[in-house]
N, C-alpha and C. Protein backbone atom coordinates (compact mmCIF):
# COMPACT_ATOMS: atom_id res chain seq x y z
N MET A 1 52.59 120.97 132.94
CA MET A 1 52.83 119.62 132.48
C MET A 1 53.96 119.03 133.31
N SER A 2 53.75 117.87 133.86
CA SER A 2 54.77 117.26 134.70
C SER A 2 55.46 116.14 133.93
N GLY A 3 56.66 115.77 134.40
CA GLY A 3 57.40 114.67 133.79
C GLY A 3 58.29 115.15 132.67
N ALA A 4 59.12 114.26 132.22
CA ALA A 4 60.06 114.57 131.14
C ALA A 4 59.34 114.57 129.80
N ASN A 5 59.81 115.41 128.93
CA ASN A 5 59.27 115.48 127.58
C ASN A 5 59.85 114.32 126.76
N PRO A 6 59.02 113.37 126.29
CA PRO A 6 59.56 112.22 125.55
C PRO A 6 60.05 112.59 124.15
N TRP A 7 59.76 113.80 123.69
CA TRP A 7 60.13 114.21 122.34
C TRP A 7 61.37 115.09 122.31
N ARG A 8 62.16 115.08 123.36
CA ARG A 8 63.41 115.85 123.38
C ARG A 8 64.49 115.07 122.66
N GLY A 9 65.37 115.79 122.03
CA GLY A 9 66.49 115.15 121.35
C GLY A 9 66.27 115.06 119.86
N LEU A 10 67.11 114.30 119.22
CA LEU A 10 67.07 114.14 117.76
C LEU A 10 66.38 112.83 117.39
N PHE A 11 65.61 112.88 116.30
CA PHE A 11 64.92 111.71 115.77
C PHE A 11 65.24 111.61 114.27
N PRO A 12 66.44 111.14 113.93
CA PRO A 12 66.81 111.08 112.52
C PRO A 12 65.98 110.06 111.75
N ALA A 13 65.71 110.36 110.51
CA ALA A 13 65.01 109.43 109.63
C ALA A 13 66.06 108.52 108.99
N THR A 14 65.77 107.26 108.93
CA THR A 14 66.69 106.32 108.30
C THR A 14 66.30 106.11 106.84
N ALA A 15 67.31 105.90 106.01
CA ALA A 15 67.05 105.58 104.61
C ALA A 15 66.63 104.11 104.53
N LEU A 16 65.94 103.77 103.48
CA LEU A 16 65.51 102.39 103.29
C LEU A 16 66.19 101.83 102.04
N PRO A 17 67.20 100.98 102.22
CA PRO A 17 67.92 100.43 101.06
C PRO A 17 67.15 99.27 100.43
N PHE A 18 67.30 99.15 99.12
CA PHE A 18 66.64 98.09 98.36
C PHE A 18 67.67 97.31 97.56
N HIS A 19 67.31 96.06 97.25
CA HIS A 19 68.07 95.26 96.30
C HIS A 19 67.63 95.68 94.90
N GLU A 20 68.34 95.20 93.89
CA GLU A 20 67.98 95.55 92.51
C GLU A 20 66.58 95.10 92.13
N ASP A 21 66.08 94.03 92.77
CA ASP A 21 64.72 93.55 92.48
C ASP A 21 63.66 94.31 93.27
N LEU A 22 64.08 95.39 93.96
CA LEU A 22 63.23 96.28 94.76
C LEU A 22 62.73 95.65 96.07
N SER A 23 63.32 94.53 96.48
CA SER A 23 63.02 94.00 97.81
C SER A 23 63.87 94.76 98.83
N ILE A 24 63.40 94.81 100.06
CA ILE A 24 64.11 95.55 101.11
C ILE A 24 65.42 94.83 101.44
N ASP A 25 66.50 95.60 101.47
CA ASP A 25 67.82 95.09 101.82
C ASP A 25 67.94 95.13 103.34
N GLU A 26 67.53 94.04 103.99
CA GLU A 26 67.47 94.01 105.45
C GLU A 26 68.83 94.18 106.10
N GLU A 27 69.86 93.58 105.55
CA GLU A 27 71.20 93.67 106.15
C GLU A 27 71.70 95.12 106.18
N ASN A 28 71.58 95.83 105.07
CA ASN A 28 72.02 97.22 105.04
C ASN A 28 71.11 98.12 105.86
N LEU A 29 69.82 97.82 105.90
CA LEU A 29 68.89 98.59 106.74
C LEU A 29 69.32 98.49 108.20
N ARG A 30 69.65 97.30 108.64
CA ARG A 30 70.08 97.12 110.03
C ARG A 30 71.32 97.96 110.34
N GLY A 31 72.25 98.02 109.41
CA GLY A 31 73.43 98.85 109.60
C GLY A 31 73.10 100.33 109.67
N LEU A 32 72.17 100.77 108.84
CA LEU A 32 71.77 102.18 108.85
C LEU A 32 71.04 102.55 110.14
N ILE A 33 70.38 101.59 110.75
CA ILE A 33 69.69 101.83 112.02
C ILE A 33 70.69 101.88 113.16
N ARG A 34 71.65 100.97 113.15
CA ARG A 34 72.64 100.91 114.24
C ARG A 34 73.50 102.17 114.31
N PHE A 35 73.80 102.75 113.16
CA PHE A 35 74.72 103.88 113.11
C PHE A 35 74.31 105.04 114.02
N PRO A 36 73.09 105.59 113.93
CA PRO A 36 72.76 106.75 114.75
C PRO A 36 72.40 106.44 116.21
N ILE A 37 72.14 105.18 116.53
CA ILE A 37 71.67 104.84 117.86
C ILE A 37 72.63 105.28 118.96
N GLY A 38 73.92 105.12 118.72
CA GLY A 38 74.90 105.46 119.74
C GLY A 38 75.33 106.92 119.76
N VAL A 39 74.77 107.73 118.90
CA VAL A 39 75.17 109.14 118.82
C VAL A 39 74.51 109.93 119.94
N ARG A 40 75.32 110.69 120.65
CA ARG A 40 74.79 111.51 121.75
C ARG A 40 73.74 112.48 121.22
N GLY A 41 72.62 112.55 121.89
CA GLY A 41 71.54 113.45 121.51
C GLY A 41 70.43 112.78 120.73
N VAL A 42 70.69 111.58 120.20
CA VAL A 42 69.66 110.85 119.47
C VAL A 42 68.75 110.15 120.47
N SER A 43 67.46 110.47 120.42
CA SER A 43 66.49 109.91 121.34
C SER A 43 65.61 108.85 120.70
N GLY A 44 65.57 108.82 119.39
CA GLY A 44 64.73 107.86 118.69
C GLY A 44 64.99 107.96 117.20
N LEU A 45 64.30 107.16 116.43
CA LEU A 45 64.44 107.14 114.98
C LEU A 45 63.08 107.34 114.33
N ALA A 46 63.07 108.00 113.19
CA ALA A 46 61.84 108.16 112.42
C ALA A 46 61.78 107.02 111.40
N CYS A 47 60.84 106.15 111.59
CA CYS A 47 60.66 105.00 110.71
C CYS A 47 59.34 105.17 109.96
N ASN A 48 59.38 105.18 108.65
CA ASN A 48 58.18 105.38 107.84
C ASN A 48 57.53 106.72 108.14
N GLY A 49 58.30 107.68 108.60
CA GLY A 49 57.69 108.92 109.04
C GLY A 49 58.11 110.14 108.25
N HIS A 50 58.50 109.97 107.03
CA HIS A 50 58.95 111.11 106.25
C HIS A 50 58.65 110.84 104.77
N ALA A 51 58.97 111.78 103.93
CA ALA A 51 58.61 111.68 102.51
C ALA A 51 59.66 110.90 101.73
N GLU A 52 59.96 109.72 102.18
CA GLU A 52 60.92 108.89 101.48
C GLU A 52 60.16 107.98 100.54
N ASP A 53 60.11 106.72 100.85
CA ASP A 53 59.45 105.76 99.97
C ASP A 53 58.33 105.00 100.67
N ALA A 54 57.98 105.42 101.88
CA ALA A 54 56.94 104.70 102.63
C ALA A 54 55.61 104.68 101.88
N TRP A 55 55.32 105.71 101.12
CA TRP A 55 54.06 105.76 100.38
C TRP A 55 53.98 104.65 99.34
N ALA A 56 55.14 104.14 98.89
CA ALA A 56 55.14 103.13 97.84
C ALA A 56 55.25 101.71 98.38
N LEU A 57 55.41 101.56 99.69
CA LEU A 57 55.56 100.23 100.29
C LEU A 57 54.21 99.59 100.55
N THR A 58 54.20 98.27 100.51
CA THR A 58 52.99 97.55 100.91
C THR A 58 52.91 97.57 102.44
N ARG A 59 51.78 97.21 102.97
CA ARG A 59 51.63 97.13 104.44
C ARG A 59 52.65 96.15 105.00
N GLU A 60 52.86 95.03 104.33
CA GLU A 60 53.81 94.03 104.81
C GLU A 60 55.23 94.59 104.83
N GLU A 61 55.59 95.37 103.80
CA GLU A 61 56.93 95.96 103.77
C GLU A 61 57.09 97.02 104.86
N ARG A 62 56.07 97.83 105.11
CA ARG A 62 56.13 98.80 106.20
C ARG A 62 56.25 98.09 107.55
N ASP A 63 55.50 97.00 107.71
CA ASP A 63 55.59 96.22 108.94
C ASP A 63 56.99 95.64 109.12
N LEU A 64 57.58 95.12 108.05
CA LEU A 64 58.93 94.57 108.11
C LEU A 64 59.93 95.65 108.50
N GLU A 65 59.85 96.80 107.86
CA GLU A 65 60.77 97.90 108.17
C GLU A 65 60.62 98.31 109.64
N THR A 66 59.40 98.42 110.12
CA THR A 66 59.16 98.80 111.51
C THR A 66 59.70 97.74 112.46
N ARG A 67 59.46 96.48 112.17
CA ARG A 67 59.93 95.39 113.02
C ARG A 67 61.46 95.39 113.10
N ILE A 68 62.13 95.62 111.99
CA ILE A 68 63.59 95.69 111.98
C ILE A 68 64.08 96.86 112.82
N HIS A 69 63.42 98.01 112.72
CA HIS A 69 63.80 99.17 113.55
C HIS A 69 63.69 98.82 115.04
N VAL A 70 62.59 98.21 115.42
CA VAL A 70 62.38 97.87 116.84
C VAL A 70 63.44 96.89 117.31
N GLU A 71 63.72 95.88 116.50
CA GLU A 71 64.74 94.88 116.87
C GLU A 71 66.10 95.54 117.05
N GLU A 72 66.52 96.33 116.09
CA GLU A 72 67.85 96.93 116.14
C GLU A 72 67.98 98.01 117.21
N ALA A 73 66.90 98.71 117.48
CA ALA A 73 66.94 99.78 118.49
C ALA A 73 66.74 99.22 119.90
N GLY A 74 66.41 97.96 119.99
CA GLY A 74 66.24 97.35 121.31
C GLY A 74 64.92 97.68 121.96
N GLY A 75 63.91 97.91 121.15
CA GLY A 75 62.58 98.13 121.71
C GLY A 75 61.97 99.45 121.42
């Protein structure tokens, strides 16, 4: 296999904060995404990829969470 392995490094899962009305807390989510990005060894983030609350989100909420991750991670 040639080329660099794109799956090297750490891929931490981010928590998904909610408001009391169970809507996604976008401001706190953005902060939780920014925190690990600058840590040495972190190569990416796991968004909707673990046994957190993704199973209970609507498609629109999963799309919103993913879009926020992409925006904050810079692509």
